[in-house]
Amino acid sequence: MWASISRIANSENREAADLARRLRERKLYKALDINIECPALPGEQLEQTEERRQREIMRIESALSSENNALVLKDAGSINIYGEFGAEQAQTHKMLSIRLRSGSTHEITELSPTIRTLSKKEQSSVFIFRTTDCATKHEWEEHNDGFR
């Protein structure tokens, strides 16, 4: 694996080479897992935990985005009970129905508050880049087609 990383670090592909050099030199990007940084408190409702986590994400973003040498990226996606990220399209084909004693069937999110809550869950990571990672915010944005 390290031999492959070395070869990639010397390749002509700038993005791959930069990333490989960072890995080889163990200069890793900083990332926060908000679920670990803001764990659920004893007796706290799931909705309260999520609201507290979203407030913390907004606080971090506003504190760091005002810095000249920091670029904050947020990677977020919904977690779906029917599959991995992006599986929303397949959901209609894989609906999980429960047959009740009466013989009627209901989709599982209609019956279980826990599952219903999970079906709306967001997974977020916050990535923080400093000028040591990239010369300027402008350079990074230009290099990555304006992605913010």
Protein backbone atom coordinates (compact mmCIF):
# COMPACT_ATOMS: atom_id res chain seq x y z
CA MET A 1 0.00 0.00 0.00
CA TRP A 2 2.77 2.47 0.91
CA ALA A 3 4.52 1.75 -2.39
CA SER A 4 1.30 2.62 -4.21
CA ILE A 5 0.94 5.83 -2.23
CA SER A 6 4.53 6.79 -3.14
CA ARG A 7 3.86 6.21 -6.83
CA ILE A 8 0.67 8.26 -6.68
CA ALA A 9 2.54 11.06 -4.83
CA ASN A 10 4.86 11.32 -7.85
CA SER A 11 2.09 11.16 -10.45
CA GLU A 12 1.02 13.97 -12.77
CA ASN A 13 -2.51 14.08 -11.34
CA ARG A 14 -2.21 17.07 -9.01
CA GLU A 15 -5.15 16.23 -6.72
CA ALA A 16 -4.11 12.60 -6.27
CA ALA A 17 -0.44 13.52 -5.80
CA ASP A 18 -1.26 16.15 -3.15
CA LEU A 19 -3.46 13.75 -1.22
CA ALA A 20 -0.90 10.92 -1.46
CA ARG A 21 1.88 13.21 -0.18
CA ARG A 22 -0.30 14.26 2.76
CA LEU A 23 -1.01 10.61 3.59
CA ARG A 24 2.65 9.63 3.25
CA GLU A 25 3.74 12.52 5.49
CA ARG A 26 0.82 11.87 7.87
CA LYS A 27 -0.51 15.43 7.50
CA LEU A 28 -4.12 14.46 7.86
CA TYR A 29 -7.09 16.78 7.42
CA LYS A 30 -9.05 17.74 10.50
CA ALA A 31 -12.60 16.44 10.74
CA LEU A 32 -15.18 16.49 13.51
CA ASP A 33 -17.70 13.74 14.08
CA ILE A 34 -20.49 15.74 15.62
CA ASN A 35 -22.14 12.56 16.99
CA ILE A 36 -19.04 11.92 19.12
CA GLU A 37 -18.43 15.57 20.02
CA CYS A 38 -22.08 16.03 21.10
CA PRO A 39 -23.29 12.69 22.46
CA ALA A 40 -26.87 12.17 23.57
CA LEU A 41 -27.33 13.23 27.18
CA PRO A 42 -29.05 10.92 29.68
CA GLY A 43 -32.82 11.28 29.40
CA GLU A 44 -32.57 13.57 26.37
CA GLN A 45 -35.11 13.12 23.56
CA LEU A 46 -33.64 12.28 20.14
CA GLU A 47 -35.06 15.49 18.66
CA GLN A 48 -33.37 17.56 21.39
CA THR A 49 -30.03 15.86 20.72
CA GLU A 50 -30.30 16.56 16.99
CA GLU A 51 -31.22 20.21 17.61
CA ARG A 52 -28.23 20.59 19.96
CA ARG A 53 -25.93 19.01 17.37
CA GLN A 54 -27.20 21.31 14.62
CA ARG A 55 -26.63 24.36 16.86
CA GLU A 56 -23.07 23.17 17.52
CA ILE A 57 -22.42 22.70 13.78
CA MET A 58 -23.68 26.24 13.10
CA ARG A 59 -21.51 27.61 15.94
CA ILE A 60 -18.40 25.88 14.55
CA GLU A 61 -19.14 27.02 11.00
CA SER A 62 -19.65 30.66 11.98
CA ALA A 63 -16.59 30.73 14.25
CA LEU A 64 -14.28 29.25 11.63
CA SER A 65 -15.72 30.81 8.49
CA SER A 66 -14.82 34.28 9.77
CA GLU A 67 -11.14 33.27 9.88
CA ASN A 68 -9.18 34.29 6.81
CA ASN A 69 -7.13 31.13 6.76
CA ALA A 70 -9.91 28.60 7.33
CA LEU A 71 -12.24 26.87 4.93
CA VAL A 72 -15.09 24.86 6.47
CA LEU A 73 -16.79 22.15 4.44
CA LYS A 74 -19.82 20.25 5.66
CA ASP A 75 -20.49 16.79 4.32
CA ALA A 76 -24.05 15.75 5.12
CA GLY A 77 -26.40 13.10 3.89
CA SER A 78 -29.54 11.47 5.12
CA ILE A 79 -29.45 7.97 6.51
CA ASN A 80 -32.18 5.79 5.10
CA ILE A 81 -33.46 2.66 6.83
CA TYR A 82 -33.75 0.99 3.43
CA GLY A 83 -30.10 1.11 2.47
CA GLU A 84 -26.89 3.10 2.25
CA PHE A 85 -26.55 6.78 1.40
CA GLY A 86 -28.30 7.52 -1.86
CA ALA A 87 -30.65 4.56 -1.58
CA GLU A 88 -33.74 6.79 -1.56
CA GLN A 89 -34.53 5.88 -5.17
CA ALA A 90 -34.75 2.19 -4.29
CA GLN A 91 -36.95 2.81 -1.26
CA THR A 92 -40.22 2.42 -3.11
CA HIS A 93 -39.15 -1.01 -4.32
CA LYS A 94 -38.04 -2.23 -0.90
CA MET A 95 -40.70 -0.90 1.48
CA LEU A 96 -40.80 -2.99 4.62
CA SER A 97 -44.39 -3.77 5.56
CA ILE A 98 -45.58 -5.38 8.77
CA ARG A 99 -48.66 -7.62 8.77
CA LEU A 100 -50.81 -7.00 11.83
CA ARG A 101 -53.02 -9.61 13.54
CA SER A 102 -56.01 -8.05 11.83
CA GLY A 103 -54.44 -9.02 8.50
CA SER A 104 -53.78 -5.46 7.39
CA THR A 105 -50.28 -4.35 6.43
CA HIS A 106 -48.53 -1.10 7.28
CA GLU A 107 -45.17 0.30 6.27
CA ILE A 108 -42.76 0.02 9.23
CA THR A 109 -42.23 3.78 9.63
CA GLU A 110 -45.98 4.16 10.27
CA LEU A 111 -45.79 1.80 13.25
CA SER A 112 -42.50 2.49 14.99
CA PRO A 113 -41.58 5.95 16.31
CA THR A 114 -37.93 4.85 16.56
CA ILE A 115 -37.77 3.76 12.93
CA ARG A 116 -39.67 6.88 11.84
CA THR A 117 -37.04 9.03 13.58
CA LEU A 118 -34.18 7.09 11.97
CA SER A 119 -35.66 7.52 8.52
CA LYS A 120 -35.12 11.29 8.84
CA LYS A 121 -31.63 11.19 10.39
CA GLU A 122 -28.83 13.31 8.94
CA GLN A 123 -25.19 12.26 9.13
CA SER A 124 -22.78 15.19 9.14
CA SER A 125 -19.04 15.68 9.09
CA VAL A 126 -17.35 19.06 9.26
CA PHE A 127 -13.99 19.40 7.50
CA ILE A 128 -11.72 22.30 8.39
CA PHE A 129 -8.94 23.39 6.03
CA ARG A 130 -6.30 25.91 7.08
CA THR A 131 -3.82 27.78 4.89
CA THR A 132 -1.29 25.04 5.61
CA ASP A 133 -3.62 22.71 3.70
CA CYS A 134 -4.02 25.07 0.77
CA ALA A 135 -2.43 28.43 -0.02
CA THR A 136 -5.73 30.32 0.03
CA LYS A 137 -9.45 29.70 0.16
CA HIS A 138 -9.64 31.12 -3.35
CA GLU A 139 -7.02 28.66 -4.63
CA TRP A 140 -8.90 25.71 -3.14
CA GLU A 141 -12.27 26.86 -4.46
CA GLU A 142 -10.81 27.56 -7.90
CA HIS A 143 -9.00 24.21 -7.92
CA ASN A 144 -12.22 22.41 -6.97
CA ASP A 145 -14.60 24.16 -9.37
CA GLY A 146 -16.04 26.53 -6.78
CA PHE A 147 -17.28 23.76 -4.49
CA ARG A 148 -17.97 25.13 -1.00
